[in-house]
Amino acid sequence: TGVPIIFGVITTETIEQAIERAGTRLTNRGFEA
């Protein structure tokens, strides 16, 4: 499409890692996306 499509899908080994990556602004991968 030529449109930037940002991959903000986190892939983790554990639920704990997922919670960490969706945490506060500094560690939230959605914020980074």
Full PDB file with SEQRES, HELIX, SHEET, SSBOND, CRYST1, ORIGX, SCALE, CONECT and MASTER records, all heavy atoms in Angstrom:
SEQRES   1 A   33  THR GLY VAL PRO ILE ILE PHE GLY VAL ILE THR THR GLU          
SEQRES   2 A   33  THR ILE GLU GLN ALA ILE GLU ARG ALA GLY THR ARG LEU          
SEQRES   3 A   33  THR ASN ARG GLY PHE GLU ALA                                  
HELIX    1 AA1 ILE A   15  ARG A   21  1                                   7    
HELIX    2 AA2 ARG A   29  GLU A   32  1                                   4    
CRYST1    1.000    1.000    1.000  90.00  90.00  90.00 P 1           1          
ORIGX1      1.000000  0.000000  0.000000        0.00000                         
ORIGX2      0.000000  1.000000  0.000000        0.00000                         
ORIGX3      0.000000  0.000000  1.000000        0.00000                         
SCALE1      1.000000  0.000000  0.000000        0.00000                         
SCALE2      0.000000  1.000000  0.000000        0.00000                         
SCALE3      0.000000  0.000000  1.000000        0.00000                         
ATOM      1  N   THR A   1       0.811  -1.221   0.000  1.00  0.00           N  
ATOM      2  CA  THR A   1       0.000   0.000   0.000  1.00  0.00           C  
ATOM      3  C   THR A   1       0.843   1.268   0.000  1.00  0.00           C  
ATOM      4  O   THR A   1       0.348   2.334  -0.356  1.00  0.00           O  
ATOM      5  CB  THR A   1      -0.937   0.041   1.223  1.00  0.00           C  
ATOM      6  OG1 THR A   1      -0.141   0.072   2.420  1.00  0.00           O  
ATOM      7  CG2 THR A   1      -1.889  -1.142   1.236  1.00  0.00           C  
ATOM      8  N   GLY A   2       2.095   1.175   0.445  1.00  0.00           N  
ATOM      9  CA  GLY A   2       2.937   2.361   0.572  1.00  0.00           C  
ATOM     10  C   GLY A   2       2.612   3.206   1.788  1.00  0.00           C  
ATOM     11  O   GLY A   2       3.159   4.278   1.972  1.00  0.00           O  
ATOM     12  N   VAL A   3       1.727   2.698   2.634  1.00  0.00           N  
ATOM     13  CA  VAL A   3       1.341   3.387   3.870  1.00  0.00           C  
ATOM     14  C   VAL A   3       2.116   2.751   5.012  1.00  0.00           C  
ATOM     15  O   VAL A   3       2.165   1.527   5.121  1.00  0.00           O  
ATOM     16  CB  VAL A   3      -0.181   3.248   4.119  1.00  0.00           C  
ATOM     17  CG1 VAL A   3      -0.573   3.834   5.465  1.00  0.00           C  
ATOM     18  CG2 VAL A   3      -0.963   3.913   2.996  1.00  0.00           C  
ATOM     19  N   PRO A   4       2.719   3.560   5.898  1.00  0.00           N  
ATOM     20  CA  PRO A   4       3.394   2.947   7.043  1.00  0.00           C  
ATOM     21  C   PRO A   4       2.385   2.214   7.914  1.00  0.00           C  
ATOM     22  O   PRO A   4       1.396   2.802   8.357  1.00  0.00           O  
ATOM     23  CB  PRO A   4       4.017   4.121   7.791  1.00  0.00           C  
ATOM     24  CG  PRO A   4       3.617   5.364   7.090  1.00  0.00           C  
ATOM     25  CD  PRO A   4       2.824   5.012   5.887  1.00  0.00           C  
ATOM     26  N   ILE A   5       2.621   0.937   8.101  1.00  0.00           N  
ATOM     27  CA  ILE A   5       1.801   0.127   9.008  1.00  0.00           C  
ATOM     28  C   ILE A   5       2.748  -0.349  10.101  1.00  0.00           C  
ATOM     29  O   ILE A   5       3.664  -1.123   9.854  1.00  0.00           O  
ATOM     30  CB  ILE A   5       1.126  -1.054   8.300  1.00  0.00           C  
ATOM     31  CG1 ILE A   5       0.265  -0.552   7.133  1.00  0.00           C  
ATOM     32  CG2 ILE A   5       0.279  -1.848   9.297  1.00  0.00           C  
ATOM     33  CD1 ILE A   5      -0.409  -1.652   6.320  1.00  0.00           C  
ATOM     34  N   ILE A   6       2.524   0.156  11.288  1.00  0.00           N  
ATOM     35  CA  ILE A   6       3.423  -0.088  12.410  1.00  0.00           C  
ATOM     36  C   ILE A   6       3.045  -1.390  13.112  1.00  0.00           C  
ATOM     37  O   ILE A   6       1.878  -1.608  13.458  1.00  0.00           O  
ATOM     38  CB  ILE A   6       3.367   1.095  13.404  1.00  0.00           C  
ATOM     39  CG1 ILE A   6       3.627   2.427  12.692  1.00  0.00           C  
ATOM     40  CG2 ILE A   6       4.334   0.864  14.571  1.00  0.00           C  
ATOM     41  CD1 ILE A   6       4.925   2.520  11.930  1.00  0.00           C  
ATOM     42  N   PHE A   7       4.025  -2.242  13.332  1.00  0.00           N  
ATOM     43  CA  PHE A   7       3.801  -3.526  13.988  1.00  0.00           C  
ATOM     44  C   PHE A   7       3.929  -3.353  15.496  1.00  0.00           C  
ATOM     45  O   PHE A   7       5.017  -3.407  16.057  1.00  0.00           O  
ATOM     46  CB  PHE A   7       4.801  -4.570  13.473  1.00  0.00           C  
ATOM     47  CG  PHE A   7       4.481  -5.970  13.913  1.00  0.00           C  
ATOM     48  CD1 PHE A   7       3.375  -6.625  13.409  1.00  0.00           C  
ATOM     49  CD2 PHE A   7       5.296  -6.621  14.819  1.00  0.00           C  
ATOM     50  CE1 PHE A   7       3.079  -7.925  13.804  1.00  0.00           C  
ATOM     51  CE2 PHE A   7       5.016  -7.922  15.218  1.00  0.00           C  
ATOM     52  CZ  PHE A   7       3.906  -8.578  14.707  1.00  0.00           C  
ATOM     53  N   GLY A   8       2.803  -3.109  16.138  1.00  0.00           N  
ATOM     54  CA  GLY A   8       2.761  -2.952  17.585  1.00  0.00           C  
ATOM     55  C   GLY A   8       2.202  -4.183  18.273  1.00  0.00           C  
ATOM     56  O   GLY A   8       1.579  -4.085  19.329  1.00  0.00           O  
ATOM     57  N   VAL A   9       2.419  -5.334  17.660  1.00  0.00           N  
ATOM     58  CA  VAL A   9       1.976  -6.600  18.242  1.00  0.00           C  
ATOM     59  C   VAL A   9       3.133  -7.148  19.067  1.00  0.00           C  
ATOM     60  O   VAL A   9       4.210  -7.402  18.526  1.00  0.00           O  
ATOM     61  CB  VAL A   9       1.573  -7.612  17.151  1.00  0.00           C  
ATOM     62  CG1 VAL A   9       1.169  -8.948  17.771  1.00  0.00           C  
ATOM     63  CG2 VAL A   9       0.445  -7.054  16.285  1.00  0.00           C  
ATOM     64  N   ILE A  10       2.909  -7.275  20.356  1.00  0.00           N  
ATOM     65  CA  ILE A  10       3.982  -7.814  21.192  1.00  0.00           C  
ATOM     66  C   ILE A  10       3.916  -9.335  21.174  1.00  0.00           C  
ATOM     67  O   ILE A  10       2.839  -9.925  21.132  1.00  0.00           O  
ATOM     68  CB  ILE A  10       3.949  -7.255  22.631  1.00  0.00           C  
ATOM     69  CG1 ILE A  10       2.643  -7.589  23.337  1.00  0.00           C  
ATOM     70  CG2 ILE A  10       4.186  -5.749  22.633  1.00  0.00           C  
ATOM     71  CD1 ILE A  10       2.626  -7.231  24.810  1.00  0.00           C  
ATOM     72  N   THR A  11       5.079  -9.952  21.180  1.00  0.00           N  
ATOM     73  CA  THR A  11       5.175 -11.406  21.224  1.00  0.00           C  
ATOM     74  C   THR A  11       6.048 -11.748  22.428  1.00  0.00           C  
ATOM     75  O   THR A  11       7.186 -11.284  22.524  1.00  0.00           O  
ATOM     76  CB  THR A  11       5.798 -11.956  19.926  1.00  0.00           C  
ATOM     77  OG1 THR A  11       7.068 -11.351  19.714  1.00  0.00           O  
ATOM     78  CG2 THR A  11       4.898 -11.670  18.732  1.00  0.00           C  
ATOM     79  N   THR A  12       5.480 -12.509  23.336  1.00  0.00           N  
ATOM     80  CA  THR A  12       6.201 -12.795  24.572  1.00  0.00           C  
ATOM     81  C   THR A  12       6.133 -14.275  24.927  1.00  0.00           C  
ATOM     82  O   THR A  12       5.278 -15.006  24.437  1.00  0.00           O  
ATOM     83  CB  THR A  12       5.624 -11.992  25.757  1.00  0.00           C  
ATOM     84  OG1 THR A  12       4.287 -12.414  26.015  1.00  0.00           O  
ATOM     85  CG2 THR A  12       5.648 -10.495  25.482  1.00  0.00           C  
ATOM     86  N   GLU A  13       7.029 -14.659  25.784  1.00  0.00           N  
ATOM     87  CA  GLU A  13       7.054 -16.033  26.292  1.00  0.00           C  
ATOM     88  C   GLU A  13       6.047 -16.236  27.421  1.00  0.00           C  
ATOM     89  O   GLU A  13       5.520 -17.327  27.584  1.00  0.00           O  
ATOM     90  CB  GLU A  13       8.463 -16.382  26.792  1.00  0.00           C  
ATOM     91  CG  GLU A  13       9.528 -16.350  25.717  1.00  0.00           C  
ATOM     92  CD  GLU A  13       9.356 -17.460  24.695  1.00  0.00           C  
ATOM     93  OE1 GLU A  13       9.003 -18.589  25.079  1.00  0.00           O  
ATOM     94  OE2 GLU A  13       9.566 -17.184  23.496  1.00  0.00           O  
ATOM     95  N   THR A  14       5.812 -15.162  28.199  1.00  0.00           N  
ATOM     96  CA  THR A  14       4.963 -15.297  29.388  1.00  0.00           C  
ATOM     97  C   THR A  14       3.991 -14.124  29.505  1.00  0.00           C  
ATOM     98  O   THR A  14       4.208 -13.060  28.914  1.00  0.00           O  
ATOM     99  CB  THR A  14       5.819 -15.320  30.674  1.00  0.00           C  
ATOM    100  OG1 THR A  14       6.452 -14.042  30.821  1.00  0.00           O  
ATOM    101  CG2 THR A  14       6.868 -16.426  30.651  1.00  0.00           C  
ATOM    102  N   ILE A  15       2.974 -14.332  30.308  1.00  0.00           N  
ATOM    103  CA  ILE A  15       2.022 -13.259  30.608  1.00  0.00           C  
ATOM    104  C   ILE A  15       2.737 -12.114  31.323  1.00  0.00           C  
ATOM    105  O   ILE A  15       2.462 -10.942  31.058  1.00  0.00           O  
ATOM    106  CB  ILE A  15       0.845 -13.788  31.453  1.00  0.00           C  
ATOM    107  CG1 ILE A  15      -0.020 -14.713  30.588  1.00  0.00           C  
ATOM    108  CG2 ILE A  15       0.019 -12.657  32.029  1.00  0.00           C  
ATOM    109  CD1 ILE A  15      -1.105 -15.439  31.340  1.00  0.00           C  
ATOM    110  N   GLU A  16       3.650 -12.440  32.194  1.00  0.00           N  
ATOM    111  CA  GLU A  16       4.386 -11.417  32.934  1.00  0.00           C  
ATOM    112  C   GLU A  16       5.155 -10.494  31.992  1.00  0.00           C  
ATOM    113  O   GLU A  16       5.186  -9.272  32.182  1.00  0.00           O  
ATOM    114  CB  GLU A  16       5.344 -12.058  33.949  1.00  0.00           C  
ATOM    115  CG  GLU A  16       4.655 -12.760  35.107  1.00  0.00           C  
ATOM    116  CD  GLU A  16       4.068 -14.128  34.735  1.00  0.00           C  
ATOM    117  OE1 GLU A  16       4.497 -14.727  33.734  1.00  0.00           O  
ATOM    118  OE2 GLU A  16       3.145 -14.578  35.442  1.00  0.00           O  
ATOM    119  N   GLN A  17       5.783 -11.066  30.977  1.00  0.00           N  
ATOM    120  CA  GLN A  17       6.496 -10.254  29.994  1.00  0.00           C  
ATOM    121  C   GLN A  17       5.532  -9.359  29.229  1.00  0.00           C  
ATOM    122  O   GLN A  17       5.841  -8.201  28.945  1.00  0.00           O  
ATOM    123  CB  GLN A  17       7.250 -11.142  29.010  1.00  0.00           C  
ATOM    124  CG  GLN A  17       8.459 -11.821  29.587  1.00  0.00           C  
ATOM    125  CD  GLN A  17       9.080 -12.791  28.588  1.00  0.00           C  
ATOM    126  OE1 GLN A  17       8.464 -13.202  27.607  1.00  0.00           O  
ATOM    127  NE2 GLN A  17      10.337 -13.174  28.857  1.00  0.00           N  
ATOM    128  N   ALA A  18       4.366  -9.883  28.895  1.00  0.00           N  
ATOM    129  CA  ALA A  18       3.361  -9.088  28.181  1.00  0.00           C  
ATOM    130  C   ALA A  18       2.902  -7.912  29.033  1.00  0.00           C  
ATOM    131  O   ALA A  18       2.772  -6.784  28.547  1.00  0.00           O  
ATOM    132  CB  ALA A  18       2.172  -9.960  27.790  1.00  0.00           C  
ATOM    133  N   ILE A  19       2.666  -8.162  30.300  1.00  0.00           N  
ATOM    134  CA  ILE A  19       2.245  -7.094  31.213  1.00  0.00           C  
ATOM    135  C   ILE A  19       3.326  -6.027  31.303  1.00  0.00           C  
ATOM    136  O   ILE A  19       3.043  -4.828  31.277  1.00  0.00           O  
ATOM    137  CB  ILE A  19       1.903  -7.670  32.602  1.00  0.00           C  
ATOM    138  CG1 ILE A  19       0.628  -8.515  32.511  1.00  0.00           C  
ATOM    139  CG2 ILE A  19       1.765  -6.565  33.644  1.00  0.00           C  
ATOM    140  CD1 ILE A  19       0.335  -9.349  33.744  1.00  0.00           C  
ATOM    141  N   GLU A  20       4.582  -6.455  31.362  1.00  0.00           N  
ATOM    142  CA  GLU A  20       5.699  -5.505  31.420  1.00  0.00           C  
ATOM    143  C   GLU A  20       5.771  -4.649  30.162  1.00  0.00           C  
ATOM    144  O   GLU A  20       5.985  -3.446  30.227  1.00  0.00           O  
ATOM    145  CB  GLU A  20       7.005  -6.286  31.600  1.00  0.00           C  
ATOM    146  CG  GLU A  20       8.235  -5.425  31.692  1.00  0.00           C  
ATOM    147  CD  GLU A  20       9.495  -6.268  31.850  1.00  0.00           C  
ATOM    148  OE1 GLU A  20       9.504  -7.173  32.706  1.00  0.00           O  
ATOM    149  OE2 GLU A  20      10.447  -6.011  31.090  1.00  0.00           O  
ATOM    150  N   ARG A  21       5.569  -5.245  28.998  1.00  0.00           N  
ATOM    151  CA  ARG A  21       5.668  -4.505  27.726  1.00  0.00           C  
ATOM    152  C   ARG A  21       4.460  -3.623  27.459  1.00  0.00           C  
ATOM    153  O   ARG A  21       4.482  -2.796  26.563  1.00  0.00           O  
ATOM    154  CB  ARG A  21       5.884  -5.478  26.577  1.00  0.00           C  
ATOM    155  CG  ARG A  21       7.260  -6.103  26.673  1.00  0.00           C  
ATOM    156  CD  ARG A  21       7.596  -6.947  25.500  1.00  0.00           C  
ATOM    157  NE  ARG A  21       8.929  -7.502  25.699  1.00  0.00           N  
ATOM    158  CZ  ARG A  21       9.299  -8.682  25.286  1.00  0.00           C  
ATOM    159  NH1 ARG A  21       8.461  -9.435  24.633  1.00  0.00           N  
ATOM    160  NH2 ARG A  21      10.513  -9.108  25.521  1.00  0.00           N  
ATOM    161  N   ALA A  22       3.402  -3.821  28.233  1.00  0.00           N  
ATOM    162  CA  ALA A  22       2.214  -2.970  28.095  1.00  0.00           C  
ATOM    163  C   ALA A  22       2.072  -2.093  29.335  1.00  0.00           C  
ATOM    164  O   ALA A  22       0.996  -1.609  29.647  1.00  0.00           O  
ATOM    165  CB  ALA A  22       0.973  -3.836  27.907  1.00  0.00           C  
ATOM    166  N   GLY A  23       3.173  -1.852  30.003  1.00  0.00           N  
ATOM    167  CA  GLY A  23       3.160  -1.146  31.282  1.00  0.00           C  
ATOM    168  C   GLY A  23       3.092   0.357  31.165  1.00  0.00           C  
ATOM    169  O   GLY A  23       2.356   0.904  30.361  1.00  0.00           O  
ATOM    170  N   THR A  24       3.915   1.015  31.928  1.00  0.00           N  
ATOM    171  CA  THR A  24       3.906   2.474  31.990  1.00  0.00           C  
ATOM    172  C   THR A  24       4.355   3.073  30.667  1.00  0.00           C  
ATOM    173  O   THR A  24       4.827   2.366  29.778  1.00  0.00           O  
ATOM    174  CB  THR A  24       4.853   2.968  33.105  1.00  0.00           C  
ATOM    175  OG1 THR A  24       6.188   2.579  32.763  1.00  0.00           O  
ATOM    176  CG2 THR A  24       4.471   2.406  34.450  1.00  0.00           C  
ATOM    177  N   ARG A  25       4.228   4.355  30.536  1.00  0.00           N  
ATOM    178  CA  ARG A  25       4.563   5.051  29.289  1.00  0.00           C  
ATOM    179  C   ARG A  25       5.954   4.694  28.785  1.00  0.00           C  
ATOM    180  O   ARG A  25       6.159   4.507  27.594  1.00  0.00           O  
ATOM    181  CB  ARG A  25       4.442   6.560  29.491  1.00  0.00           C  
ATOM    182  CG  ARG A  25       4.665   7.340  28.218  1.00  0.00           C  
ATOM    183  CD  ARG A  25       4.317   8.795  28.380  1.00  0.00           C  
ATOM    184  NE  ARG A  25       5.175   9.495  29.302  1.00  0.00           N  
ATOM    185  CZ  ARG A  25       6.253  10.183  28.943  1.00  0.00           C  
ATOM    186  NH1 ARG A  25       6.596  10.259  27.697  1.00  0.00           N  
ATOM    187  NH2 ARG A  25       6.966  10.809  29.833  1.00  0.00           N  
ATOM    188  N   LEU A  26       6.912   4.578  29.668  1.00  0.00           N  
ATOM    189  CA  LEU A  26       8.289   4.308  29.244  1.00  0.00           C  
ATOM    190  C   LEU A  26       8.474   2.887  28.726  1.00  0.00           C  
ATOM    191  O   LEU A  26       9.384   2.635  27.938  1.00  0.00           O  
ATOM    192  CB  LEU A  26       9.255   4.589  30.387  1.00  0.00           C  
ATOM    193  CG  LEU A  26       9.318   6.052  30.835  1.00  0.00           C  
ATOM    194  CD1 LEU A  26      10.239   6.215  32.032  1.00  0.00           C  
ATOM    195  CD2 LEU A  26       9.789   6.938  29.689  1.00  0.00           C  
ATOM    196  N   THR A  27       7.642   1.956  29.153  1.00  0.00           N  
ATOM    197  CA  THR A  27       7.783   0.570  28.706  1.00  0.00           C  
ATOM    198  C   THR A  27       6.588   0.088  27.899  1.00  0.00           C  
ATOM    199  O   THR A  27       6.525  -1.066  27.545  1.00  0.00           O  
ATOM    200  CB  THR A  27       7.998  -0.371  29.901  1.00  0.00           C  
ATOM    201  OG1 THR A  27       6.859  -0.291  30.773  1.00  0.00           O  
ATOM    202  CG2 THR A  27       9.250  -0.032  30.674  1.00  0.00           C  
ATOM    203  N   ASN A  28       5.672   0.963  27.596  1.00  0.00           N  
ATOM    204  CA  ASN A  28       4.466   0.569  26.869  1.00  0.00           C  
ATOM    205  C   ASN A  28       4.766   0.552  25.369  1.00  0.00           C  
ATOM    206  O   ASN A  28       5.045   1.583  24.765  1.00  0.00           O  
ATOM    207  CB  ASN A  28       3.320   1.533  27.197  1.00  0.00           C  
ATOM    208  CG  ASN A  28       2.009   1.089  26.598  1.00  0.00           C  
ATOM    209  OD1 ASN A  28       1.881   0.931  25.399  1.00  0.00           O  
ATOM    210  ND2 ASN A  28       1.020   0.895  27.457  1.00  0.00           N  
ATOM    211  N   ARG A  29       4.693  -0.633  24.770  1.00  0.00           N  
ATOM    212  CA  ARG A  29       4.996  -0.779  23.341  1.00  0.00           C  
ATOM    213  C   ARG A  29       3.935  -0.105  22.479  1.00  0.00           C  
ATOM    214  O   ARG A  29       4.207   0.263  21.344  1.00  0.00           O  
ATOM    215  CB  ARG A  29       5.145  -2.245  22.965  1.00  0.00           C  
ATOM    216  CG  ARG A  29       6.273  -2.962  23.702  1.00  0.00           C  
ATOM    217  CD  ARG A  29       7.615  -2.275  23.479  1.00  0.00           C  
ATOM    218  NE  ARG A  29       8.670  -2.962  24.180  1.00  0.00           N  
ATOM    219  CZ  ARG A  29       9.459  -2.419  25.094  1.00  0.00           C  
ATOM    220  NH1 ARG A  29       9.304  -1.159  25.425  1.00  0.00           N  
ATOM    221  NH2 ARG A  29      10.395  -3.119  25.678  1.00  0.00           N  
ATOM    222  N   GLY A  30       2.731   0.077  22.995  1.00  0.00           N  
ATOM    223  CA  GLY A  30       1.713   0.832  22.279  1.00  0.00           C  
ATOM    224  C   GLY A  30       2.112   2.290  22.145  1.00  0.00           C  
ATOM    225  O   GLY A  30       1.915   2.914  21.092  1.00  0.00           O  
ATOM    226  N   PHE A  31       2.671   2.852  23.213  1.00  0.00           N  
ATOM    227  CA  PHE A  31       3.170   4.231  23.178  1.00  0.00           C  
ATOM    228  C   PHE A  31       4.250   4.352  22.114  1.00  0.00           C  
ATOM    229  O   PHE A  31       4.246   5.280  21.301  1.00  0.00           O  
ATOM    230  CB  PHE A  31       3.702   4.615  24.561  1.00  0.00           C  
ATOM    231  CG  PHE A  31       4.011   6.083  24.709  1.00  0.00           C  
ATOM    232  CD1 PHE A  31       3.044   6.964  25.177  1.00  0.00           C  
ATOM    233  CD2 PHE A  31       5.259   6.585  24.390  1.00  0.00           C  
ATOM    234  CE1 PHE A  31       3.317   8.320  25.312  1.00  0.00           C  
ATOM    235  CE2 PHE A  31       5.555   7.938  24.522  1.00  0.00           C  
ATOM    236  CZ  PHE A  31       4.580   8.810  24.988  1.00  0.00           C  
ATOM    237  N   GLU A  32       5.173   3.395  22.105  1.00  0.00           N  
ATOM    238  CA  GLU A  32       6.256   3.406  21.115  1.00  0.00           C  
ATOM    239  C   GLU A  32       5.712   3.284  19.695  1.00  0.00           C  
ATOM    240  O   GLU A  32       6.219   3.924  18.773  1.00  0.00           O  
ATOM    241  CB  GLU A  32       7.240   2.268  21.387  1.00  0.00           C  
ATOM    242  CG  GLU A  32       8.053   2.470  22.633  1.00  0.00           C  
ATOM    243  CD  GLU A  32       8.968   1.295  22.931  1.00  0.00           C  
ATOM    244  OE1 GLU A  32       8.949   0.296  22.172  1.00  0.00           O  
ATOM    245  OE2 GLU A  32       9.709   1.373  23.925  1.00  0.00           O  
ATOM    246  N   ALA A  33       4.673   2.466  19.504  1.00  0.00           N  
ATOM    247  CA  ALA A  33       4.082   2.296  18.176  1.00  0.00           C  
ATOM    248  C   ALA A  33       3.476   3.615  17.694  1.00  0.00           C  
ATOM    249  O   ALA A  33       3.606   3.972  16.517  1.00  0.00           O  
ATOM    250  CB  ALA A  33       3.033   1.192  18.201  1.00  0.00           C  
TER     251      ALA A  33                                                      
MASTER        0    0    0    2    0    0    0    6  250    1    0    3          
END                                                                             
